[in-house]
Amino acid sequence: MKRYRHLFFDLDHTLWDFETNSRETLRDLHRYERLTERGIPDAAEFIEAYEEINQGLWQRYELGHIDRHVLRVLRFRNTLLRFGVKDERLADRMGRDYLALTPKRKTLMPGAGELLADLAPRYRIHIITNGFHEVQEEKIASSGLGRHLDLVLSSEMAGAKKPDPRIFRAALERTKATAQESLMIGDSAAADIEGARNAGWDQAHFAPNGDGDERATYVLRGLNDLRAILL
């Protein structure tokens, strides 16, 4: 078995349960802002619309077609417009509150905390994320992940987003690691797995829904599958 010294994890959808934490905040905002009175009675329908719009905007952001300010402005404005609600002040307020509240939530992916605690004595553990740096730092602090980590490298810090090889080179430079002793673990086949493969790293594709990249070094149905590989 190949000997790794450095483990690089993606954060959202891999260690931090983005879907659960985001939806809890969106449900709270739907209630706080009394969106039922604005003609949006179903919180689940509101969340579904937001997620679809947000995903599309993130894809444009990762391709470099929009910046983070535009993403933050448009995602709630466009969601509200889908329900016929044109209110710039409401959209701005919801956007600010979403950013303030969501990173404080603590739900991790199943087994993530226990796994990192077991890996930490044997490996150096890092994060590589395309998320906004200050937001990701707060998620890590709130959830308790920080005590296990050596480096948190965001795309803002690196000046490049996954799958750009520059962010992987920056990770190696900052950790004094080599590609041969590094393993990238993440849920995105394009950003995490293809990006790491093109950088010459081994990859573990976290694919709990069964759609793992067949070219990945490892495919994980759950995070605990890493135990057989690393422990």
Foldseek 3Di string as FASTA:
>chain_A
DAAAAEEEEAADPFWAPLVVLLLVLQVVLCVVVVCVVVQPVDSVVLVVLLVVQLVVLVVCCQVVNDDPVCSLQPSQQVSCVVRPDHDSVSSNVSSVSSLVRSLLDADTFPPNVVVLVVCQVRHAYEYEYQDDVVSVVSNCVNNVVVVSHDYYHYCVNQVHAFLPLSSVVVVCVVVVHDQSNYEYEYADCGRTFVSSVVNVHAYEHAHLVPPDDPPHPHYHVGPCVCVVVHD
